[in-house]
Amino acid sequence: MTSLSQAKAMGGVGSILVLLSFVPSVGFLLGLVGLVLVLIAVKQISDAVNDREIFNNVLIAVILQIVGVAILTFAVAGALFGFLFASQQIGPAPSPFDGFGGFGMMPDGAFWAVLGAFVVGLFAMWIILIVAARFLRRGYEGIAAKTGTGMFGTVGRWYFYGALLVIVFVGLIVILIAEILQIVAFFSLPESVPPQQGTQQPYGTQPL
């Protein structure tokens, strides 16, 4: 039987590091290392059960998540620079008590343009994260089916529901719960692939 012990340990540790992404200063680095470890663990599981779609789905999900976060970052940065730039074009305000500390207020047209660009970026990020969560759910459901670890199916569903609700911020809590459950899921993996899965036919072949 194909061993899953390395994937079990690597995925569990990687999931813990991903959860530590919120730690100040070093959180980003810890999260990045954890994400790589989780991807390697999923690849090992995918190879062990002869199901390439498991890794492909999770990899697509991770790529889409990175794209979504990048879009949100650019939207926030663009909105901030837009507000600052537009407010400074007005010149000194006649009153020292205006909201920009010496600069005139932003014209209505510029304000709505910047706000509109931010909302569009936020909406695009939301849609991308939903699509990413759908791929992740599909990949994790594959792991659950092939290894008998039903917790992965639960993790996939919680990630998906979290992505749906992230636009109202409740989803962030749901995703946090999913990340905690992901740790449990990896450490719940069996030490080896169940016998009926270890003998599964590779892709492209059919039993006689």
N, C-alpha and C. Protein backbone atom coordinates (compact mmCIF):
# COMPACT_ATOMS: atom_id res chain seq x y z
N MET A 1 0.83 -1.19 0.00
CA MET A 1 0.00 0.00 0.00
C MET A 1 0.88 1.25 0.00
N THR A 2 0.43 2.26 -0.75
CA THR A 2 1.20 3.49 -0.85
C THR A 2 1.09 4.28 0.45
N SER A 3 2.23 4.74 0.95
CA SER A 3 2.26 5.47 2.23
C SER A 3 1.79 6.91 2.05
N LEU A 4 1.05 7.38 3.05
CA LEU A 4 0.61 8.78 3.08
C LEU A 4 1.19 9.52 4.28
N SER A 5 2.11 8.88 4.98
CA SER A 5 2.63 9.45 6.22
C SER A 5 3.34 10.78 5.99
N GLN A 6 4.10 10.87 4.88
CA GLN A 6 4.82 12.11 4.61
C GLN A 6 3.85 13.23 4.25
N ALA A 7 2.85 12.91 3.43
CA ALA A 7 1.84 13.91 3.08
C ALA A 7 1.05 14.34 4.30
N LYS A 8 0.79 13.40 5.19
CA LYS A 8 0.05 13.68 6.42
C LYS A 8 0.79 14.71 7.27
N ALA A 9 2.08 14.46 7.50
CA ALA A 9 2.88 15.37 8.32
C ALA A 9 3.09 16.72 7.63
N MET A 10 3.44 16.66 6.35
CA MET A 10 3.74 17.90 5.63
C MET A 10 2.50 18.77 5.49
N GLY A 11 1.36 18.16 5.17
CA GLY A 11 0.13 18.92 5.04
C GLY A 11 -0.33 19.50 6.37
N GLY A 12 -0.17 18.73 7.46
CA GLY A 12 -0.56 19.24 8.77
C GLY A 12 0.27 20.42 9.21
N VAL A 13 1.59 20.29 9.06
CA VAL A 13 2.48 21.39 9.44
C VAL A 13 2.24 22.60 8.53
N GLY A 14 2.08 22.35 7.24
CA GLY A 14 1.83 23.44 6.30
C GLY A 14 0.54 24.18 6.64
N SER A 15 -0.50 23.44 7.04
CA SER A 15 -1.77 24.07 7.40
C SER A 15 -1.63 24.93 8.65
N ILE A 16 -0.81 24.49 9.59
CA ILE A 16 -0.56 25.29 10.79
C ILE A 16 0.14 26.60 10.41
N LEU A 17 1.12 26.52 9.51
CA LEU A 17 1.83 27.72 9.09
C LEU A 17 0.91 28.67 8.34
N VAL A 18 0.00 28.13 7.53
CA VAL A 18 -0.97 28.97 6.83
C VAL A 18 -1.84 29.71 7.84
N LEU A 19 -2.22 29.04 8.90
CA LEU A 19 -3.04 29.66 9.94
C LEU A 19 -2.28 30.78 10.65
N LEU A 20 -0.95 30.71 10.64
CA LEU A 20 -0.13 31.73 11.28
C LEU A 20 0.14 32.93 10.37
N SER A 21 -0.53 32.98 9.24
CA SER A 21 -0.35 34.10 8.32
C SER A 21 -0.71 35.44 8.94
N PHE A 22 -1.53 35.41 10.00
CA PHE A 22 -1.98 36.64 10.64
C PHE A 22 -0.96 37.19 11.63
N VAL A 23 0.12 36.44 11.89
CA VAL A 23 1.15 36.92 12.82
C VAL A 23 1.86 38.14 12.22
N PRO A 24 2.00 39.21 12.96
CA PRO A 24 2.67 40.41 12.42
C PRO A 24 4.11 40.12 12.00
N SER A 25 4.58 40.85 11.03
CA SER A 25 5.97 40.83 10.54
C SER A 25 6.30 39.56 9.75
N VAL A 26 6.25 38.40 10.39
CA VAL A 26 6.68 37.17 9.74
C VAL A 26 5.51 36.35 9.20
N GLY A 27 4.30 36.83 9.39
CA GLY A 27 3.12 36.07 8.99
C GLY A 27 3.09 35.73 7.53
N PHE A 28 3.44 36.70 6.69
CA PHE A 28 3.40 36.47 5.24
C PHE A 28 4.35 35.35 4.84
N LEU A 29 5.56 35.37 5.39
CA LEU A 29 6.54 34.34 5.07
C LEU A 29 6.08 32.96 5.56
N LEU A 30 5.55 32.92 6.79
CA LEU A 30 5.05 31.65 7.32
C LEU A 30 3.92 31.10 6.47
N GLY A 31 3.02 31.98 6.07
CA GLY A 31 1.90 31.56 5.24
C GLY A 31 2.34 31.04 3.89
N LEU A 32 3.34 31.70 3.31
CA LEU A 32 3.84 31.28 2.00
C LEU A 32 4.49 29.89 2.09
N VAL A 33 5.32 29.69 3.11
CA VAL A 33 5.95 28.38 3.30
C VAL A 33 4.88 27.31 3.54
N GLY A 34 3.89 27.64 4.36
CA GLY A 34 2.81 26.70 4.64
C GLY A 34 2.03 26.33 3.40
N LEU A 35 1.77 27.32 2.55
CA LEU A 35 1.04 27.06 1.31
C LEU A 35 1.80 26.11 0.40
N VAL A 36 3.11 26.30 0.32
CA VAL A 36 3.94 25.41 -0.51
C VAL A 36 3.91 23.99 0.05
N LEU A 37 4.01 23.86 1.37
CA LEU A 37 3.97 22.53 1.99
C LEU A 37 2.63 21.84 1.74
N VAL A 38 1.54 22.59 1.83
CA VAL A 38 0.22 22.01 1.57
C VAL A 38 0.11 21.54 0.12
N LEU A 39 0.62 22.33 -0.80
CA LEU A 39 0.57 21.94 -2.22
C LEU A 39 1.39 20.67 -2.46
N ILE A 40 2.56 20.60 -1.83
CA ILE A 40 3.38 19.39 -1.99
C ILE A 40 2.65 18.18 -1.41
N ALA A 41 2.02 18.36 -0.26
CA ALA A 41 1.27 17.26 0.36
C ALA A 41 0.12 16.80 -0.52
N VAL A 42 -0.60 17.75 -1.11
CA VAL A 42 -1.71 17.40 -2.00
C VAL A 42 -1.19 16.67 -3.23
N LYS A 43 -0.04 17.11 -3.74
CA LYS A 43 0.56 16.43 -4.90
C LYS A 43 0.90 14.99 -4.55
N GLN A 44 1.45 14.78 -3.36
CA GLN A 44 1.79 13.42 -2.94
C GLN A 44 0.53 12.55 -2.81
N ILE A 45 -0.53 13.13 -2.26
CA ILE A 45 -1.78 12.38 -2.15
C ILE A 45 -2.34 12.06 -3.53
N SER A 46 -2.30 13.06 -4.41
CA SER A 46 -2.80 12.88 -5.77
C SER A 46 -2.07 11.76 -6.48
N ASP A 47 -0.75 11.72 -6.33
CA ASP A 47 0.04 10.65 -6.95
C ASP A 47 -0.25 9.30 -6.32
N ALA A 48 -0.44 9.30 -5.00
CA ALA A 48 -0.64 8.04 -4.29
C ALA A 48 -1.94 7.35 -4.69
N VAL A 49 -2.97 8.15 -4.98
CA VAL A 49 -4.28 7.57 -5.34
C VAL A 49 -4.52 7.56 -6.85
N ASN A 50 -3.48 7.93 -7.62
CA ASN A 50 -3.59 7.95 -9.09
C ASN A 50 -4.74 8.82 -9.58
N ASP A 51 -4.86 10.01 -9.00
CA ASP A 51 -5.91 10.94 -9.41
C ASP A 51 -5.29 12.32 -9.60
N ARG A 52 -4.89 12.63 -10.81
CA ARG A 52 -4.24 13.91 -11.10
C ARG A 52 -5.17 15.10 -10.89
N GLU A 53 -6.48 14.87 -11.02
CA GLU A 53 -7.43 15.97 -10.90
C GLU A 53 -7.43 16.58 -9.50
N ILE A 54 -7.09 15.80 -8.50
CA ILE A 54 -7.04 16.33 -7.14
C ILE A 54 -6.03 17.48 -7.06
N PHE A 55 -4.81 17.22 -7.50
CA PHE A 55 -3.79 18.27 -7.44
C PHE A 55 -4.11 19.41 -8.40
N ASN A 56 -4.60 19.09 -9.59
CA ASN A 56 -4.92 20.14 -10.57
C ASN A 56 -5.96 21.10 -10.02
N ASN A 57 -7.00 20.57 -9.38
CA ASN A 57 -8.05 21.42 -8.83
C ASN A 57 -7.52 22.32 -7.72
N VAL A 58 -6.72 21.75 -6.82
CA VAL A 58 -6.19 22.55 -5.71
C VAL A 58 -5.19 23.59 -6.22
N LEU A 59 -4.37 23.22 -7.20
CA LEU A 59 -3.41 24.18 -7.76
C LEU A 59 -4.13 25.35 -8.42
N ILE A 60 -5.17 25.05 -9.20
CA ILE A 60 -5.95 26.13 -9.83
C ILE A 60 -6.56 27.02 -8.76
N ALA A 61 -7.06 26.41 -7.69
CA ALA A 61 -7.66 27.20 -6.60
C ALA A 61 -6.64 28.15 -5.99
N VAL A 62 -5.43 27.67 -5.74
CA VAL A 62 -4.39 28.51 -5.13
C VAL A 62 -4.02 29.66 -6.06
N ILE A 63 -3.86 29.36 -7.34
CA ILE A 63 -3.52 30.41 -8.31
C ILE A 63 -4.61 31.48 -8.36
N LEU A 64 -5.86 31.05 -8.38
CA LEU A 64 -6.97 32.01 -8.41
C LEU A 64 -7.03 32.83 -7.12
N GLN A 65 -6.74 32.20 -6.00
CA GLN A 65 -6.73 32.94 -4.73
C GLN A 65 -5.66 34.04 -4.75
N ILE A 66 -4.50 33.71 -5.29
CA ILE A 66 -3.43 34.71 -5.39
C ILE A 66 -3.85 35.87 -6.29
N VAL A 67 -4.49 35.54 -7.41
CA VAL A 67 -4.99 36.57 -8.32
C VAL A 67 -6.03 37.44 -7.61
N GLY A 68 -6.93 36.81 -6.86
CA GLY A 68 -7.96 37.57 -6.15
C GLY A 68 -7.37 38.52 -5.12
N VAL A 69 -6.40 38.04 -4.35
CA VAL A 69 -5.75 38.90 -3.36
C VAL A 69 -5.00 40.05 -4.04
N ALA A 70 -4.36 39.77 -5.18
CA ALA A 70 -3.65 40.81 -5.92
C ALA A 70 -4.62 41.88 -6.41
N ILE A 71 -5.78 41.46 -6.91
CA ILE A 71 -6.78 42.43 -7.37
C ILE A 71 -7.25 43.30 -6.22
N LEU A 72 -7.51 42.69 -5.06
CA LEU A 72 -7.94 43.47 -3.90
C LEU A 72 -6.86 44.45 -3.46
N THR A 73 -5.61 44.02 -3.47
CA THR A 73 -4.50 44.89 -3.08
C THR A 73 -4.41 46.10 -4.00
N PHE A 74 -4.48 45.85 -5.31
CA PHE A 74 -4.42 46.95 -6.28
C PHE A 74 -5.64 47.87 -6.15
N ALA A 75 -6.80 47.31 -5.84
CA ALA A 75 -8.00 48.12 -5.70
C ALA A 75 -7.89 49.06 -4.50
N VAL A 76 -7.40 48.52 -3.37
CA VAL A 76 -7.24 49.34 -2.17
C VAL A 76 -6.17 50.41 -2.38
N ALA A 77 -5.02 49.99 -2.93
CA ALA A 77 -3.94 50.96 -3.17
C ALA A 77 -4.37 52.02 -4.17
N GLY A 78 -5.07 51.60 -5.22
CA GLY A 78 -5.53 52.55 -6.22
C GLY A 78 -6.52 53.55 -5.65
N ALA A 79 -7.41 53.08 -4.78
CA ALA A 79 -8.38 53.97 -4.16
C ALA A 79 -7.68 55.00 -3.26
N LEU A 80 -6.71 54.53 -2.47
CA LEU A 80 -5.99 55.45 -1.58
C LEU A 80 -5.23 56.51 -2.36
N PHE A 81 -4.49 56.06 -3.39
CA PHE A 81 -3.74 57.03 -4.20
C PHE A 81 -4.69 57.96 -4.96
N GLY A 82 -5.82 57.42 -5.39
CA GLY A 82 -6.79 58.25 -6.10
C GLY A 82 -7.35 59.34 -5.22
N PHE A 83 -7.69 59.00 -4.00
CA PHE A 83 -8.20 60.01 -3.06
C PHE A 83 -7.15 61.08 -2.77
N LEU A 84 -5.92 60.64 -2.52
CA LEU A 84 -4.86 61.60 -2.18
C LEU A 84 -4.53 62.50 -3.36
N PHE A 85 -4.42 61.90 -4.55
CA PHE A 85 -4.06 62.69 -5.73
C PHE A 85 -5.14 63.69 -6.08
N ALA A 86 -6.40 63.22 -6.07
CA ALA A 86 -7.50 64.10 -6.46
C ALA A 86 -7.68 65.23 -5.45
N SER A 87 -7.51 64.94 -4.18
CA SER A 87 -7.69 65.97 -3.17
C SER A 87 -6.61 67.04 -3.25
N GLN A 88 -5.40 66.65 -3.64
CA GLN A 88 -4.30 67.61 -3.70
C GLN A 88 -4.37 68.48 -4.95
N GLN A 89 -5.13 68.06 -5.95
CA GLN A 89 -5.23 68.87 -7.16
C GLN A 89 -6.07 70.12 -6.96
N ILE A 90 -6.84 70.16 -5.87
CA ILE A 90 -7.71 71.31 -5.63
C ILE A 90 -6.92 72.52 -5.16
N GLY A 91 -5.78 72.22 -4.51
CA GLY A 91 -5.00 73.32 -3.96
C GLY A 91 -5.39 73.58 -2.52
N PRO A 92 -4.74 74.55 -1.88
CA PRO A 92 -5.03 74.83 -0.46
C PRO A 92 -6.48 75.24 -0.25
N ALA A 93 -7.07 74.74 0.77
CA ALA A 93 -8.46 75.07 1.07
C ALA A 93 -8.51 76.40 1.82
N PRO A 94 -9.61 77.14 1.65
CA PRO A 94 -9.70 78.44 2.34
C PRO A 94 -9.82 78.30 3.85
N SER A 95 -10.20 77.14 4.34
CA SER A 95 -10.36 76.96 5.78
C SER A 95 -9.38 75.91 6.28
N PRO A 96 -8.76 76.10 7.42
CA PRO A 96 -7.83 75.09 7.95
C PRO A 96 -8.56 73.91 8.59
N PHE A 97 -9.88 73.95 8.57
CA PHE A 97 -10.64 72.91 9.28
C PHE A 97 -11.27 71.90 8.33
N ASP A 98 -10.83 71.88 7.06
CA ASP A 98 -11.42 70.90 6.14
C ASP A 98 -10.88 69.51 6.45
N GLY A 99 -11.55 68.48 5.91
CA GLY A 99 -11.25 67.10 6.27
C GLY A 99 -9.93 66.57 5.78
N PHE A 100 -9.22 67.27 4.89
CA PHE A 100 -7.97 66.76 4.36
C PHE A 100 -6.77 67.50 4.93
N GLY A 101 -6.96 68.20 6.02
CA GLY A 101 -5.85 68.83 6.73
C GLY A 101 -5.13 69.87 5.90
N GLY A 102 -5.84 70.76 5.20
CA GLY A 102 -5.20 71.83 4.45
C GLY A 102 -5.44 71.72 2.97
N PHE A 103 -5.95 70.61 2.47
CA PHE A 103 -6.24 70.45 1.06
C PHE A 103 -7.75 70.42 0.84
N GLY A 104 -8.18 70.90 -0.28
CA GLY A 104 -9.60 70.96 -0.59
C GLY A 104 -10.20 69.58 -0.70
N MET A 105 -11.49 69.51 -0.53
CA MET A 105 -12.19 68.24 -0.63
C MET A 105 -12.22 67.77 -2.08
N MET A 106 -12.34 66.44 -2.27
CA MET A 106 -12.37 65.86 -3.60
C MET A 106 -13.68 66.21 -4.30
N PRO A 107 -13.62 66.58 -5.58
CA PRO A 107 -14.84 66.85 -6.33
C PRO A 107 -15.71 65.60 -6.38
N ASP A 108 -17.03 65.82 -6.51
CA ASP A 108 -17.95 64.69 -6.51
C ASP A 108 -17.64 63.68 -7.61
N GLY A 109 -17.32 64.19 -8.81
CA GLY A 109 -17.04 63.28 -9.93
C GLY A 109 -15.85 62.39 -9.67
N ALA A 110 -14.77 62.97 -9.15
CA ALA A 110 -13.56 62.19 -8.86
C ALA A 110 -13.82 61.20 -7.73
N PHE A 111 -14.58 61.64 -6.75
CA PHE A 111 -14.88 60.76 -5.62
C PHE A 111 -15.61 59.50 -6.08
N TRP A 112 -16.64 59.68 -6.88
CA TRP A 112 -17.43 58.53 -7.32
C TRP A 112 -16.65 57.66 -8.29
N ALA A 113 -15.75 58.26 -9.07
CA ALA A 113 -14.92 57.47 -9.98
C ALA A 113 -13.98 56.55 -9.21
N VAL A 114 -13.33 57.11 -8.19
CA VAL A 114 -12.41 56.31 -7.38
C VAL A 114 -13.16 55.25 -6.59
N LEU A 115 -14.29 55.64 -6.00
CA LEU A 115 -15.09 54.68 -5.25
C LEU A 115 -15.62 53.57 -6.16
N GLY A 116 -16.04 53.93 -7.36
CA GLY A 116 -16.53 52.94 -8.31
C GLY A 116 -15.46 51.93 -8.69
N ALA A 117 -14.23 52.42 -8.93
CA ALA A 117 -13.13 51.52 -9.28
C ALA A 117 -12.83 50.56 -8.15
N PHE A 118 -12.92 51.06 -6.92
CA PHE A 118 -12.67 50.20 -5.76
C PHE A 118 -13.75 49.12 -5.64
N VAL A 119 -15.00 49.49 -5.83
CA VAL A 119 -16.10 48.53 -5.72
C VAL A 119 -15.99 47.47 -6.81
N VAL A 120 -15.64 47.89 -8.02
CA VAL A 120 -15.47 46.93 -9.12
C VAL A 120 -14.36 45.94 -8.79
N GLY A 121 -13.23 46.45 -8.26
CA GLY A 121 -12.12 45.57 -7.88
C GLY A 121 -12.53 44.60 -6.77
N LEU A 122 -13.29 45.09 -5.81
CA LEU A 122 -13.75 44.24 -4.71
C LEU A 122 -14.69 43.15 -5.22
N PHE A 123 -15.58 43.51 -6.13
CA PHE A 123 -16.52 42.53 -6.68
C PHE A 123 -15.78 41.48 -7.51
N ALA A 124 -14.79 41.92 -8.30
CA ALA A 124 -14.01 40.98 -9.11
C ALA A 124 -13.26 39.99 -8.22
N MET A 125 -12.68 40.51 -7.13
CA MET A 125 -11.98 39.64 -6.19
C MET A 125 -12.93 38.60 -5.60
N TRP A 126 -14.14 39.03 -5.25
CA TRP A 126 -15.13 38.13 -4.66
C TRP A 126 -15.49 36.99 -5.60
N ILE A 127 -15.75 37.33 -6.86
CA ILE A 127 -16.11 36.31 -7.85
C ILE A 127 -14.96 35.32 -8.05
N ILE A 128 -13.74 35.84 -8.13
CA ILE A 128 -12.59 34.96 -8.32
C ILE A 128 -12.40 34.02 -7.13
N LEU A 129 -12.59 34.53 -5.92
CA LEU A 129 -12.45 33.69 -4.73
C LEU A 129 -13.53 32.61 -4.67
N ILE A 130 -14.72 32.91 -5.14
CA ILE A 130 -15.78 31.90 -5.19
C ILE A 130 -15.41 30.78 -6.16
N VAL A 131 -14.91 31.17 -7.34
CA VAL A 131 -14.48 30.17 -8.31
C VAL A 131 -13.33 29.34 -7.76
N ALA A 132 -12.38 30.01 -7.10
CA ALA A 132 -11.25 29.30 -6.49
C ALA A 132 -11.72 28.31 -5.44
N ALA A 133 -12.67 28.73 -4.61
CA ALA A 133 -13.19 27.85 -3.56
C ALA A 133 -13.92 26.66 -4.16
N ARG A 134 -14.53 26.85 -5.32
CA ARG A 134 -15.22 25.72 -5.97
C ARG A 134 -14.19 24.68 -6.42
N PHE A 135 -13.07 25.13 -6.98
CA PHE A 135 -12.01 24.19 -7.38
C PHE A 135 -11.41 23.50 -6.15
N LEU A 136 -11.19 24.27 -5.08
CA LEU A 136 -10.63 23.70 -3.87
C LEU A 136 -11.56 22.65 -3.27
N ARG A 137 -12.83 22.97 -3.27
CA ARG A 137 -13.83 22.01 -2.75
C ARG A 137 -13.81 20.72 -3.57
N ARG A 138 -13.72 20.86 -4.88
CA ARG A 138 -13.68 19.68 -5.75
C ARG A 138 -12.45 18.83 -5.47
N GLY A 139 -11.30 19.50 -5.29
CA GLY A 139 -10.08 18.76 -4.99
C GLY A 139 -10.13 18.05 -3.65
N TYR A 140 -10.64 18.76 -2.62
CA TYR A 140 -10.70 18.17 -1.29
C TYR A 140 -11.75 17.06 -1.21
N GLU A 141 -12.83 17.19 -1.95
CA GLU A 141 -13.81 16.11 -2.00
C GLU A 141 -13.19 14.87 -2.64
N GLY A 142 -12.29 15.09 -3.60
CA GLY A 142 -11.58 13.97 -4.21
C GLY A 142 -10.69 13.26 -3.20
N ILE A 143 -9.99 14.04 -2.36
CA ILE A 143 -9.15 13.44 -1.32
C ILE A 143 -10.02 12.65 -0.34
N ALA A 144 -11.16 13.22 0.04
CA ALA A 144 -12.06 12.54 0.98
C ALA A 144 -12.53 11.21 0.41
N ALA A 145 -12.87 11.20 -0.88
CA ALA A 145 -13.38 9.98 -1.50
C ALA A 145 -12.30 8.92 -1.65
N LYS A 146 -11.07 9.33 -1.98
CA LYS A 146 -10.01 8.38 -2.27
C LYS A 146 -9.28 7.88 -1.03
N THR A 147 -9.30 8.66 0.05
CA THR A 147 -8.57 8.24 1.26
C THR A 147 -9.50 7.86 2.40
N GLY A 148 -10.79 8.14 2.25
CA GLY A 148 -11.72 7.85 3.33
C GLY A 148 -11.68 8.87 4.45
N THR A 149 -11.01 10.00 4.24
CA THR A 149 -10.92 11.05 5.27
C THR A 149 -12.01 12.08 4.99
N GLY A 150 -13.19 11.86 5.56
CA GLY A 150 -14.33 12.72 5.27
C GLY A 150 -14.15 14.17 5.68
N MET A 151 -13.22 14.45 6.60
CA MET A 151 -12.99 15.82 7.05
C MET A 151 -12.60 16.74 5.89
N PHE A 152 -11.92 16.19 4.87
CA PHE A 152 -11.54 17.03 3.73
C PHE A 152 -12.77 17.56 2.99
N GLY A 153 -13.81 16.74 2.91
CA GLY A 153 -15.04 17.22 2.30
C GLY A 153 -15.65 18.36 3.09
N THR A 154 -15.58 18.26 4.42
CA THR A 154 -16.08 19.34 5.28
C THR A 154 -15.27 20.62 5.08
N VAL A 155 -13.95 20.47 5.00
CA VAL A 155 -13.08 21.64 4.78
C VAL A 155 -13.43 22.32 3.46
N GLY A 156 -13.61 21.53 2.42
CA GLY A 156 -13.94 22.10 1.12
C GLY A 156 -15.25 22.87 1.15
N ARG A 157 -16.25 22.33 1.84
CA ARG A 157 -17.54 23.03 1.93
C ARG A 157 -17.42 24.33 2.72
N TRP A 158 -16.68 24.28 3.84
CA TRP A 158 -16.53 25.50 4.64
C TRP A 158 -15.77 26.57 3.89
N TYR A 159 -14.75 26.21 3.13
CA TYR A 159 -14.05 27.19 2.30
C TYR A 159 -15.00 27.82 1.29
N PHE A 160 -15.83 26.98 0.68
CA PHE A 160 -16.75 27.48 -0.34
C PHE A 160 -17.78 28.43 0.28
N TYR A 161 -18.37 28.05 1.41
CA TYR A 161 -19.34 28.91 2.07
C TYR A 161 -18.67 30.21 2.54
N GLY A 162 -17.43 30.11 3.00
CA GLY A 162 -16.71 31.30 3.42
C GLY A 162 -16.48 32.26 2.28
N ALA A 163 -16.14 31.73 1.10
CA ALA A 163 -15.95 32.58 -0.07
C ALA A 163 -17.24 33.27 -0.47
N LEU A 164 -18.36 32.57 -0.37
CA LEU A 164 -19.66 33.17 -0.69
C LEU A 164 -19.98 34.33 0.25
N LEU A 165 -19.58 34.21 1.52
CA LEU A 165 -19.95 35.20 2.53
C LEU A 165 -18.86 36.22 2.80
N VAL A 166 -17.72 36.12 2.11
CA VAL A 166 -16.60 37.01 2.43
C VAL A 166 -16.94 38.46 2.10
N ILE A 167 -17.87 38.69 1.19
CA ILE A 167 -18.23 40.05 0.81
C ILE A 167 -18.88 40.79 1.98
N VAL A 168 -19.45 40.05 2.93
CA VAL A 168 -20.05 40.68 4.12
C VAL A 168 -19.19 40.41 5.36
N PHE A 169 -17.96 39.98 5.14
CA PHE A 169 -16.95 39.80 6.18
C PHE A 169 -17.21 38.62 7.11
N VAL A 170 -18.44 38.12 7.17
CA VAL A 170 -18.70 36.92 7.96
C VAL A 170 -17.89 35.75 7.40
N GLY A 171 -17.69 35.78 6.08
CA GLY A 171 -16.95 34.71 5.43
C GLY A 171 -15.53 34.57 5.93
N LEU A 172 -14.94 35.65 6.41
CA LEU A 172 -13.57 35.57 6.92
C LEU A 172 -13.51 34.65 8.13
N ILE A 173 -14.54 34.70 8.97
CA ILE A 173 -14.58 33.81 10.14
C ILE A 173 -14.78 32.37 9.68
N VAL A 174 -15.64 32.18 8.68
CA VAL A 174 -15.89 30.83 8.16
C VAL A 174 -14.62 30.24 7.56
N ILE A 175 -13.88 31.06 6.81
CA ILE A 175 -12.62 30.60 6.21
C ILE A 175 -11.60 30.27 7.29
N LEU A 176 -11.58 31.06 8.36
CA LEU A 176 -10.67 30.77 9.48
C LEU A 176 -10.99 29.41 10.09
N ILE A 177 -12.27 29.13 10.25
CA ILE A 177 -12.68 27.82 10.76
C ILE A 177 -12.24 26.71 9.80
N ALA A 178 -12.39 26.97 8.49
CA ALA A 178 -11.98 25.98 7.49
C ALA A 178 -10.48 25.71 7.58
N GLU A 179 -9.68 26.73 7.84
CA GLU A 179 -8.24 26.54 7.95
C GLU A 179 -7.89 25.69 9.19
N ILE A 180 -8.64 25.89 10.27
CA ILE A 180 -8.42 25.06 11.46
C ILE A 180 -8.81 23.61 11.18
N LEU A 181 -9.94 23.42 10.50
CA LEU A 181 -10.38 22.07 10.16
C LEU A 181 -9.42 21.40 9.17
N GLN A 182 -8.75 22.21 8.36
CA GLN A 182 -7.78 21.65 7.42
C GLN A 182 -6.62 20.98 8.15
N ILE A 183 -6.20 21.57 9.26
CA ILE A 183 -5.15 20.96 10.08
C ILE A 183 -5.61 19.59 10.56
N VAL A 184 -6.84 19.54 11.07
CA VAL A 184 -7.41 18.27 11.56
C VAL A 184 -7.49 17.26 10.41
N ALA A 185 -7.89 17.73 9.23
CA ALA A 185 -8.06 16.83 8.09
C ALA A 185 -6.75 16.16 7.69
N PHE A 186 -5.69 16.94 7.61
CA PHE A 186 -4.41 16.35 7.21
C PHE A 186 -3.89 15.36 8.26
N PHE A 187 -4.01 15.72 9.52
CA PHE A 187 -3.54 14.81 10.56
C PHE A 187 -4.46 13.60 10.73
N SER A 188 -5.63 13.64 10.11
CA SER A 188 -6.56 12.51 10.16
C SER A 188 -6.35 11.53 9.01
N LEU A 189 -5.45 11.87 8.09
CA LEU A 189 -5.19 10.96 6.97
C LEU A 189 -4.68 9.61 7.49
N PRO A 190 -5.04 8.53 6.82
CA PRO A 190 -4.48 7.24 7.19
C PRO A 190 -3.00 7.18 6.82
N GLU A 191 -2.29 6.24 7.39
CA GLU A 191 -0.86 6.12 7.10
C GLU A 191 -0.61 5.62 5.69
N SER A 192 -1.59 4.96 5.11
CA SER A 192 -1.44 4.46 3.74
C SER A 192 -2.78 4.50 3.03
N VAL A 193 -2.73 4.46 1.71
CA VAL A 193 -3.95 4.48 0.91
C VAL A 193 -4.73 3.19 1.14
N PRO A 194 -6.04 3.27 1.34
CA PRO A 194 -6.84 2.05 1.48
C PRO A 194 -6.60 1.10 0.31
N PRO A 195 -6.60 -0.20 0.54
CA PRO A 195 -6.25 -1.17 -0.50
C PRO A 195 -6.99 -1.00 -1.80
N GLN A 196 -8.30 -0.72 -1.75
CA GLN A 196 -9.06 -0.61 -2.98
C GLN A 196 -8.65 0.61 -3.79
N GLN A 197 -8.07 1.64 -3.11
CA GLN A 197 -7.61 2.81 -3.83
C GLN A 197 -6.19 2.64 -4.33
N GLY A 198 -5.39 1.90 -3.60
CA GLY A 198 -4.01 1.71 -4.02
C GLY A 198 -3.89 0.93 -5.30
N THR A 199 -4.92 0.14 -5.63
CA THR A 199 -4.88 -0.64 -6.86
C THR A 199 -5.71 -0.03 -7.96
N GLN A 200 -6.13 1.23 -7.79
CA GLN A 200 -6.96 1.89 -8.78
C GLN A 200 -6.25 2.00 -10.11
N GLN A 201 -7.00 1.88 -11.21
CA GLN A 201 -6.41 1.98 -12.53
C GLN A 201 -5.97 3.40 -12.82
N PRO A 202 -4.78 3.60 -13.41
CA PRO A 202 -4.34 4.94 -13.76
C PRO A 202 -5.27 5.56 -14.80
N TYR A 203 -5.14 6.87 -14.97
CA TYR A 203 -5.93 7.57 -15.97
C TYR A 203 -5.62 7.03 -17.35
N GLY A 204 -6.67 6.95 -18.15
CA GLY A 204 -6.49 6.55 -19.53
C GLY A 204 -6.56 5.06 -19.74
N THR A 205 -6.74 4.25 -18.65
CA THR A 205 -6.83 2.82 -18.80
C THR A 205 -8.12 2.33 -18.18
N GLN A 206 -8.66 1.28 -18.69
CA GLN A 206 -9.88 0.69 -18.19
C GLN A 206 -9.63 -0.78 -17.86
N PRO A 207 -10.22 -1.30 -16.81
CA PRO A 207 -10.03 -2.71 -16.48
C PRO A 207 -10.68 -3.58 -17.54
N LEU A 208 -10.04 -4.72 -17.80
CA LEU A 208 -10.56 -5.63 -18.82
C LEU A 208 -11.80 -6.36 -18.30
